[in-house]
N, C-alpha and C. Protein backbone atom coordinates (compact mmCIF):
# COMPACT_ATOMS: atom_id res chain seq x y z
N UNK A 1 0.90 -1.17 -0.04
CA UNK A 1 0.04 -0.04 -0.10
C UNK A 1 0.96 1.12 0.01
N UNK A 2 0.66 2.19 -0.84
CA UNK A 2 1.33 3.45 -0.98
C UNK A 2 1.03 4.40 0.12
N UNK A 3 1.72 5.48 0.33
CA UNK A 3 1.50 6.44 1.30
C UNK A 3 0.33 7.20 0.86
N UNK A 4 0.05 7.45 -0.38
CA UNK A 4 -1.12 8.25 -0.87
C UNK A 4 -2.44 7.34 -0.55
N UNK A 5 -2.46 6.00 -0.81
CA UNK A 5 -3.48 5.16 -0.44
C UNK A 5 -3.97 5.22 1.10
N UNK A 6 -2.86 5.20 1.87
CA UNK A 6 -3.08 5.22 3.28
C UNK A 6 -3.59 6.59 3.71
N UNK A 7 -3.12 7.69 3.09
CA UNK A 7 -3.58 8.99 3.51
C UNK A 7 -5.07 9.03 2.99
N UNK A 8 -5.50 8.59 1.90
CA UNK A 8 -6.76 8.69 1.39
C UNK A 8 -7.74 7.78 2.21
N UNK A 9 -7.36 6.48 2.70
CA UNK A 9 -8.08 5.64 3.57
C UNK A 9 -8.35 6.33 4.90
N UNK A 10 -7.21 6.98 5.38
CA UNK A 10 -7.53 7.75 6.73
C UNK A 10 -8.43 8.90 6.61
N UNK A 11 -8.29 9.70 5.51
CA UNK A 11 -9.20 10.72 5.27
C UNK A 11 -10.59 10.29 5.22
N UNK A 12 -10.84 9.08 4.39
CA UNK A 12 -12.31 8.69 4.30
C UNK A 12 -12.81 8.28 5.68
N UNK A 13 -11.98 7.68 6.47
CA UNK A 13 -12.40 7.15 7.73
C UNK A 13 -12.72 8.27 8.63
N UNK A 14 -11.88 9.44 8.64
CA UNK A 14 -12.15 10.58 9.35
C UNK A 14 -13.44 11.24 8.93
N UNK A 15 -13.75 11.21 7.64
CA UNK A 15 -14.97 11.70 6.95
C UNK A 15 -16.20 11.08 7.55
N UNK A 16 -15.97 9.81 7.61
CA UNK A 16 -17.23 8.84 8.10
C UNK A 16 -17.45 9.06 9.53
N UNK A 17 -16.37 9.29 10.25
CA UNK A 17 -16.54 9.58 11.74
C UNK A 17 -17.10 10.91 12.07
N UNK A 18 -16.73 11.81 11.17
CA UNK A 18 -17.39 13.22 11.32
C UNK A 18 -18.92 13.10 10.95
N UNK A 19 -19.34 12.47 9.87
CA UNK A 19 -20.68 12.17 9.41
C UNK A 19 -21.51 11.48 10.62
N UNK A 20 -20.81 10.45 11.18
CA UNK A 20 -21.59 9.91 12.29
C UNK A 20 -21.70 10.69 13.43
N UNK A 21 -20.78 11.54 13.80
CA UNK A 21 -20.92 12.36 14.93
C UNK A 21 -22.04 13.43 14.63
N UNK A 22 -22.10 14.01 13.50
CA UNK A 22 -22.99 14.94 13.03
C UNK A 22 -24.31 14.28 13.07
N UNK A 23 -24.59 13.13 12.62
CA UNK A 23 -26.04 12.42 12.73
C UNK A 23 -26.33 12.27 14.20
N UNK A 24 -25.53 11.84 15.21
CA UNK A 24 -25.79 11.66 16.56
C UNK A 24 -25.94 12.99 17.23
N UNK A 25 -25.12 13.99 16.76
CA UNK A 25 -25.46 15.34 17.41
C UNK A 25 -26.70 15.92 17.03
N UNK A 26 -27.19 15.68 15.83
CA UNK A 26 -28.46 16.30 15.58
C UNK A 26 -29.54 15.44 15.88
N UNK A 27 -29.36 14.04 15.71
CA UNK A 27 -30.34 13.02 16.03
C UNK A 27 -31.02 12.92 17.33
N UNK A 28 -30.05 13.03 18.31
CA UNK A 28 -30.39 12.85 19.79
C UNK A 28 -31.35 13.98 20.14
N UNK A 29 -31.05 15.24 19.91
CA UNK A 29 -31.91 16.43 20.41
C UNK A 29 -33.25 16.39 19.53
N UNK A 30 -33.21 16.07 18.23
CA UNK A 30 -34.41 16.07 17.42
C UNK A 30 -35.14 14.81 17.66
N UNK A 31 -34.62 13.74 18.10
CA UNK A 31 -35.36 12.59 18.59
C UNK A 31 -36.31 12.92 19.65
N UNK A 32 -36.00 13.84 20.56
CA UNK A 32 -36.94 14.03 21.61
C UNK A 32 -38.08 14.87 21.22
N UNK A 33 -38.08 15.51 20.02
CA UNK A 33 -39.11 16.30 19.47
C UNK A 33 -40.30 15.32 19.12
N UNK A 34 -40.21 14.03 19.03
CA UNK A 34 -41.40 13.41 18.49
C UNK A 34 -41.73 12.33 19.55
N UNK A 35 -42.05 12.90 20.75
CA UNK A 35 -42.44 12.10 21.79
C UNK A 35 -43.95 12.18 21.95
N UNK A 36 -44.67 11.08 21.95
CA UNK A 36 -46.14 10.72 22.12
C UNK A 36 -46.65 10.54 23.33
N UNK A 37 -47.59 11.42 23.91
CA UNK A 37 -47.97 11.24 25.35
C UNK A 37 -49.47 11.01 25.15
N UNK A 38 -49.86 10.13 25.95
CA UNK A 38 -51.37 9.68 26.16
C UNK A 38 -51.98 10.28 27.41
N UNK A 39 -53.12 10.89 27.08
CA UNK A 39 -53.79 11.57 28.19
C UNK A 39 -55.17 10.86 28.45
N UNK A 40 -55.52 10.58 29.63
CA UNK A 40 -56.89 10.08 29.99
C UNK A 40 -57.63 10.97 30.75
N UNK A 41 -58.99 11.23 30.34
CA UNK A 41 -59.74 12.20 30.98
C UNK A 41 -61.06 11.48 31.38
N UNK A 42 -61.58 11.91 32.50
CA UNK A 42 -62.92 11.46 32.85
C UNK A 42 -62.78 10.07 33.63
N UNK A 43 -63.71 9.30 33.66
CA UNK A 43 -63.80 8.12 34.51
C UNK A 43 -62.99 6.94 33.76
N UNK A 44 -62.03 6.41 34.52
CA UNK A 44 -61.34 5.19 34.00
C UNK A 44 -61.82 4.19 34.60
N UNK A 45 -62.48 3.10 33.79
CA UNK A 45 -63.15 1.90 34.40
C UNK A 45 -62.01 0.97 34.72
N UNK A 46 -61.97 0.42 36.10
CA UNK A 46 -61.07 -0.51 36.40
C UNK A 46 -61.36 -1.91 35.55
N UNK A 47 -60.05 -2.59 35.29
CA UNK A 47 -60.29 -3.75 34.51
C UNK A 47 -61.33 -4.85 35.24
N UNK A 48 -62.10 -5.34 34.60
CA UNK A 48 -63.11 -6.26 35.03
C UNK A 48 -64.18 -5.87 35.96
N UNK A 49 -64.42 -4.53 36.12
CA UNK A 49 -65.31 -3.82 36.97
C UNK A 49 -66.75 -3.99 36.44
N UNK A 50 -67.04 -4.08 35.10
CA UNK A 50 -68.38 -4.24 34.62
C UNK A 50 -68.64 -5.71 34.84
N UNK A 51 -67.69 -6.71 34.89
CA UNK A 51 -68.16 -8.06 35.10
C UNK A 51 -68.64 -8.21 36.59
N UNK A 52 -68.27 -7.33 37.43
CA UNK A 52 -68.73 -7.42 38.77
C UNK A 52 -70.14 -6.91 39.07
N UNK A 53 -70.81 -6.40 37.97
CA UNK A 53 -72.13 -5.93 38.25
C UNK A 53 -73.11 -6.83 37.33
N UNK A 54 -73.75 -7.72 38.00
CA UNK A 54 -74.74 -8.63 37.17
C UNK A 54 -76.03 -7.88 37.04
N UNK A 55 -76.68 -8.29 36.03
CA UNK A 55 -78.11 -7.79 35.77
C UNK A 55 -78.83 -8.15 37.16
N UNK A 56 -79.58 -7.18 37.54
CA UNK A 56 -80.56 -7.32 38.84
C UNK A 56 -79.70 -6.75 40.16
N UNK A 57 -78.36 -6.39 39.93
CA UNK A 57 -77.67 -5.88 41.13
C UNK A 57 -78.30 -4.66 41.54
N UNK A 58 -78.18 -4.17 42.83
CA UNK A 58 -78.59 -3.06 43.58
C UNK A 58 -77.86 -1.89 43.08
N UNK A 59 -78.59 -0.82 43.02
CA UNK A 59 -77.84 0.49 42.68
C UNK A 59 -76.73 0.82 43.56
N UNK A 60 -76.62 0.34 44.88
CA UNK A 60 -75.56 0.66 45.73
C UNK A 60 -74.30 -0.17 45.32
N UNK A 61 -74.68 -1.35 44.88
CA UNK A 61 -73.47 -2.13 44.46
C UNK A 61 -72.80 -1.55 43.28
N UNK A 62 -73.49 -0.97 42.34
CA UNK A 62 -72.94 -0.11 41.24
C UNK A 62 -72.12 0.95 41.78
N UNK A 63 -72.61 1.60 42.85
CA UNK A 63 -71.88 2.82 43.27
C UNK A 63 -70.59 2.27 44.06
N UNK A 64 -70.72 1.18 44.68
CA UNK A 64 -69.52 0.65 45.29
C UNK A 64 -68.38 0.18 44.34
N UNK A 65 -68.80 -0.44 43.27
CA UNK A 65 -67.84 -1.04 42.19
C UNK A 65 -67.36 0.16 41.30
N UNK A 66 -68.24 0.92 40.84
CA UNK A 66 -67.75 2.01 39.82
C UNK A 66 -67.68 3.31 40.32
N UNK A 67 -68.19 3.65 41.51
CA UNK A 67 -68.14 4.98 42.10
C UNK A 67 -69.07 5.88 41.59
N UNK A 68 -68.97 7.12 41.89
CA UNK A 68 -69.92 8.19 41.58
C UNK A 68 -70.06 8.45 39.98
N UNK A 69 -71.03 8.45 39.50
CA UNK A 69 -71.03 8.44 38.02
C UNK A 69 -70.75 9.94 37.61
N UNK A 70 -70.39 10.08 36.35
CA UNK A 70 -70.05 11.38 35.67
C UNK A 70 -71.37 12.21 35.69
N UNK A 71 -72.33 11.66 35.39
CA UNK A 71 -73.73 12.23 35.26
C UNK A 71 -74.82 11.27 35.50
N UNK A 72 -76.02 11.73 35.89
CA UNK A 72 -77.16 10.77 36.01
C UNK A 72 -78.32 11.42 35.17
N UNK A 73 -79.11 10.47 34.57
CA UNK A 73 -80.38 10.97 33.87
C UNK A 73 -81.59 10.30 34.39
N UNK A 74 -82.66 10.92 34.46
CA UNK A 74 -83.98 10.22 35.12
C UNK A 74 -84.90 10.10 34.14
N UNK A 75 -84.62 10.22 32.69
CA UNK A 75 -85.57 10.08 31.66
C UNK A 75 -85.89 8.45 31.58
N UNK A 76 -87.23 8.30 31.77
CA UNK A 76 -87.89 6.92 31.54
C UNK A 76 -86.89 5.87 32.33
N UNK A 77 -86.57 6.18 33.64
CA UNK A 77 -85.85 5.31 34.46
C UNK A 77 -84.53 5.99 34.78
N UNK A 78 -83.89 5.49 35.91
CA UNK A 78 -82.62 6.25 36.13
C UNK A 78 -81.41 5.55 35.44
N UNK A 79 -80.53 6.39 35.03
CA UNK A 79 -79.43 5.92 34.19
C UNK A 79 -78.00 6.58 34.64
N UNK A 80 -76.99 5.77 35.09
CA UNK A 80 -75.79 6.32 35.43
C UNK A 80 -74.86 6.36 34.16
N UNK A 81 -74.23 7.39 33.97
CA UNK A 81 -73.10 7.66 32.87
C UNK A 81 -71.81 7.90 33.49
N UNK A 82 -70.83 7.07 32.88
CA UNK A 82 -69.50 7.27 33.27
C UNK A 82 -68.74 7.48 31.98
N UNK A 83 -68.18 8.66 31.78
CA UNK A 83 -67.73 9.25 30.67
C UNK A 83 -66.16 9.36 30.76
N UNK A 84 -65.59 8.88 29.62
CA UNK A 84 -63.98 8.90 29.50
C UNK A 84 -63.62 9.36 28.13
N UNK A 85 -62.43 9.83 28.12
CA UNK A 85 -61.85 10.17 26.83
C UNK A 85 -60.36 9.95 26.78
N UNK A 86 -59.67 9.51 25.83
CA UNK A 86 -58.25 9.31 25.73
C UNK A 86 -57.88 10.02 24.46
N UNK A 87 -56.73 10.68 24.65
CA UNK A 87 -56.38 11.52 23.59
C UNK A 87 -54.71 11.28 23.57
N UNK A 88 -54.09 11.55 22.41
CA UNK A 88 -52.55 11.43 22.28
C UNK A 88 -52.08 12.77 21.65
N UNK A 89 -50.97 13.26 22.19
CA UNK A 89 -50.29 14.26 21.50
C UNK A 89 -48.92 14.07 21.16
N UNK A 90 -48.51 14.33 20.04
CA UNK A 90 -47.14 14.19 19.58
C UNK A 90 -46.42 15.52 19.59
N UNK A 91 -45.47 15.61 20.43
CA UNK A 91 -44.71 16.95 20.43
C UNK A 91 -45.53 18.02 20.46
N UNK A 92 -45.37 19.02 19.72
CA UNK A 92 -46.14 20.34 19.60
C UNK A 92 -47.28 20.21 18.83
N UNK A 93 -47.61 19.04 18.32
CA UNK A 93 -48.85 18.93 17.54
C UNK A 93 -50.10 19.06 18.39
N UNK A 94 -51.37 19.18 17.75
CA UNK A 94 -52.54 19.36 18.64
C UNK A 94 -52.86 17.88 19.11
N UNK A 95 -53.63 17.91 20.25
CA UNK A 95 -54.12 16.64 20.64
C UNK A 95 -55.14 15.96 19.70
N UNK A 96 -54.98 14.69 19.70
CA UNK A 96 -56.02 13.93 18.76
C UNK A 96 -56.72 12.88 19.62
N UNK A 97 -57.87 12.93 19.50
CA UNK A 97 -58.86 11.84 20.15
C UNK A 97 -58.61 10.53 19.62
N UNK A 98 -58.35 9.54 20.48
CA UNK A 98 -58.11 8.26 20.09
C UNK A 98 -59.25 7.28 20.47
N UNK A 99 -59.99 7.65 21.56
CA UNK A 99 -61.06 6.83 22.13
C UNK A 99 -61.89 7.55 23.02
N UNK A 100 -63.20 7.36 23.05
CA UNK A 100 -64.17 8.07 23.93
C UNK A 100 -65.14 6.97 24.28
N UNK A 101 -65.47 6.76 25.40
CA UNK A 101 -66.46 5.84 26.01
C UNK A 101 -67.36 6.35 26.88
N UNK A 102 -68.66 5.99 26.87
CA UNK A 102 -69.74 6.35 27.72
C UNK A 102 -70.33 5.02 28.24
N UNK A 103 -70.10 4.66 29.46
CA UNK A 103 -70.59 3.40 30.06
C UNK A 103 -71.89 3.97 30.68
N UNK A 104 -73.07 3.23 30.27
CA UNK A 104 -74.41 3.52 30.87
C UNK A 104 -74.88 2.49 31.49
N UNK A 105 -75.32 2.60 32.91
CA UNK A 105 -75.92 1.58 33.66
C UNK A 105 -77.30 1.99 33.72
N UNK A 106 -78.27 1.12 33.33
CA UNK A 106 -79.72 1.48 33.29
C UNK A 106 -80.38 0.74 34.52
N UNK A 107 -81.36 1.32 35.19
CA UNK A 107 -82.01 0.68 36.31
C UNK A 107 -83.37 0.64 36.23
N UNK A 108 -84.07 -0.33 36.72
CA UNK A 108 -85.49 -0.43 36.57
C UNK A 108 -86.14 0.39 37.73
N UNK A 109 -87.50 0.41 37.82
CA UNK A 109 -88.10 1.37 38.83
C UNK A 109 -87.75 0.90 40.33
N UNK A 110 -87.23 -0.33 40.45
CA UNK A 110 -86.86 -0.78 41.77
C UNK A 110 -85.34 -0.58 42.14
N UNK A 111 -84.74 0.04 41.17
CA UNK A 111 -83.30 0.58 41.41
C UNK A 111 -82.45 -0.74 41.14
N UNK A 112 -82.75 -1.68 40.42
CA UNK A 112 -81.78 -2.81 40.14
C UNK A 112 -81.41 -2.57 38.74
N UNK A 113 -80.13 -3.15 38.35
CA UNK A 113 -79.49 -3.09 37.04
C UNK A 113 -80.50 -3.66 36.06
N UNK A 114 -80.87 -3.03 35.02
CA UNK A 114 -81.67 -3.64 33.95
C UNK A 114 -80.72 -4.00 32.73
N UNK A 115 -79.73 -3.09 32.42
CA UNK A 115 -78.85 -3.29 31.32
C UNK A 115 -77.64 -2.38 31.55
N UNK A 116 -76.47 -2.80 31.02
CA UNK A 116 -75.33 -2.09 31.00
C UNK A 116 -74.89 -1.94 29.38
N UNK A 117 -74.48 -0.68 29.08
CA UNK A 117 -74.14 -0.55 27.74
C UNK A 117 -72.83 0.16 27.96
N UNK A 118 -71.87 -0.11 26.93
CA UNK A 118 -70.56 0.57 26.81
C UNK A 118 -70.48 1.16 25.42
N UNK A 119 -70.83 2.52 25.32
CA UNK A 119 -70.98 3.22 24.14
C UNK A 119 -69.66 3.88 23.65
N UNK A 120 -69.39 3.73 22.38
CA UNK A 120 -68.13 4.35 21.85
C UNK A 120 -68.45 4.61 20.39
N UNK A 121 -67.49 5.04 19.66
CA UNK A 121 -67.55 5.44 18.12
C UNK A 121 -66.84 4.29 17.45
N UNK A 122 -67.64 3.81 16.45
CA UNK A 122 -67.04 2.92 15.58
C UNK A 122 -67.42 3.13 14.17
N UNK A 123 -66.48 3.39 13.26
CA UNK A 123 -66.67 3.65 11.90
C UNK A 123 -67.70 5.00 11.88
N UNK A 124 -67.42 5.91 12.65
CA UNK A 124 -68.15 7.20 12.71
C UNK A 124 -69.65 7.20 13.26
N UNK A 125 -70.01 5.96 13.84
CA UNK A 125 -71.35 5.87 14.47
C UNK A 125 -71.25 5.38 15.86
N UNK A 126 -72.33 5.76 16.54
CA UNK A 126 -72.45 5.34 18.02
C UNK A 126 -72.61 4.02 17.97
N UNK A 127 -71.78 3.27 19.02
CA UNK A 127 -71.71 1.80 18.96
C UNK A 127 -71.73 1.23 20.44
N UNK A 128 -72.59 0.24 20.73
CA UNK A 128 -72.49 -0.44 22.07
C UNK A 128 -71.52 -1.54 21.96
N UNK A 129 -70.45 -1.45 22.78
CA UNK A 129 -69.50 -2.65 22.82
C UNK A 129 -69.79 -3.69 23.62
N UNK A 130 -70.89 -3.56 24.47
CA UNK A 130 -71.40 -4.69 25.22
C UNK A 130 -72.37 -5.62 24.31
N UNK A 131 -73.34 -4.88 23.89
CA UNK A 131 -74.29 -5.79 23.12
C UNK A 131 -73.96 -5.85 21.50
N UNK A 132 -72.90 -5.11 21.08
CA UNK A 132 -72.26 -5.09 19.77
C UNK A 132 -73.34 -4.53 18.89
N UNK A 133 -74.10 -3.55 19.23
CA UNK A 133 -75.13 -2.98 18.31
C UNK A 133 -75.02 -1.52 18.16
N UNK A 134 -75.59 -0.91 17.25
CA UNK A 134 -75.76 0.45 17.14
C UNK A 134 -77.04 0.85 17.58
N UNK A 135 -77.31 1.72 18.63
CA UNK A 135 -78.70 2.00 19.07
C UNK A 135 -79.63 2.79 17.98
N UNK A 136 -80.90 2.24 18.05
CA UNK A 136 -81.86 2.97 17.20
C UNK A 136 -82.37 4.31 17.76
N UNK A 137 -83.33 4.91 17.21
CA UNK A 137 -83.84 6.15 17.55
C UNK A 137 -84.61 6.06 18.89
N UNK A 138 -85.00 7.24 19.29
CA UNK A 138 -85.73 7.35 20.70
C UNK A 138 -85.06 8.31 21.65
N UNK A 139 -85.43 8.31 22.82
CA UNK A 139 -84.98 9.35 23.74
C UNK A 139 -83.63 8.97 24.28
N UNK A 140 -83.25 7.63 24.28
CA UNK A 140 -81.95 7.27 24.73
C UNK A 140 -80.93 7.59 23.57
N UNK A 141 -81.43 7.36 22.33
CA UNK A 141 -80.49 7.79 21.18
C UNK A 141 -80.17 9.29 21.14
N UNK A 142 -81.17 10.07 21.53
CA UNK A 142 -80.90 11.70 21.62
C UNK A 142 -80.03 11.83 22.69
N UNK A 143 -80.00 11.26 23.86
CA UNK A 143 -79.19 11.63 24.96
C UNK A 143 -77.77 11.17 24.55
N UNK A 144 -77.58 9.99 23.90
CA UNK A 144 -76.16 9.58 23.67
C UNK A 144 -75.61 10.38 22.39
N UNK A 145 -76.56 10.88 21.64
CA UNK A 145 -76.15 11.66 20.54
C UNK A 145 -75.68 13.11 21.03
N UNK A 146 -76.32 13.45 22.23
CA UNK A 146 -75.78 14.71 22.83
C UNK A 146 -74.58 14.53 23.38
N UNK A 147 -74.20 13.35 24.05
CA UNK A 147 -72.81 13.16 24.75
C UNK A 147 -71.80 12.89 23.49
N UNK A 148 -72.12 12.57 22.44
CA UNK A 148 -71.15 12.26 21.34
C UNK A 148 -70.75 13.68 20.79
N UNK A 149 -71.93 14.58 20.64
CA UNK A 149 -71.63 15.98 19.99
C UNK A 149 -70.89 16.78 21.12
N UNK A 150 -71.21 16.74 22.30
CA UNK A 150 -70.57 17.53 23.34
C UNK A 150 -68.96 17.11 23.36
N UNK A 151 -68.67 15.74 23.37
CA UNK A 151 -67.32 15.45 23.54
C UNK A 151 -66.67 15.10 22.33
N UNK A 152 -67.33 15.43 21.13
CA UNK A 152 -66.82 15.10 19.76
C UNK A 152 -65.64 16.28 19.29
N UNK A 153 -64.34 15.89 19.17
CA UNK A 153 -63.39 16.75 18.59
C UNK A 153 -63.64 17.12 17.16
N UNK A 154 -63.06 17.93 16.52
CA UNK A 154 -63.46 18.40 15.11
C UNK A 154 -62.76 17.29 14.25
N UNK A 155 -61.82 16.38 14.82
CA UNK A 155 -61.23 15.40 13.99
C UNK A 155 -62.21 14.33 13.63
N UNK A 156 -63.19 13.95 14.50
CA UNK A 156 -64.07 12.72 14.24
C UNK A 156 -65.28 13.03 13.51
């Protein structure tokens, strides 16, 4: 190997090292700019809590298991609503909603659990994740539509 070849090889190695140092110097600070954070707002249902509330359970048992509801409705029977929303934000970008849930516990006139629904949005429509159905029209649909509109961000 000639002296010129050794000089060129050493120069290309130094250039590679400088390029790697530049990538690291710029990459580490910029890598922190793309951190995604998740935010949970409202009521967070504990894992398996809905399974602890059988049909016919007393209203007091619902309060013990799920706690105080976000809101209560008394239209054609009493209903407890537990409302939650999950959003994500990447760095300086605006927050984007990733999930919204309204758990509704319906009671009969004797304050026993008649039905439990876990409403969310699927394909842009209101969807009950418990019965796996889309609610039909009526008073209940109007109330759930209200919750969807109130808590609906501009992105959905």
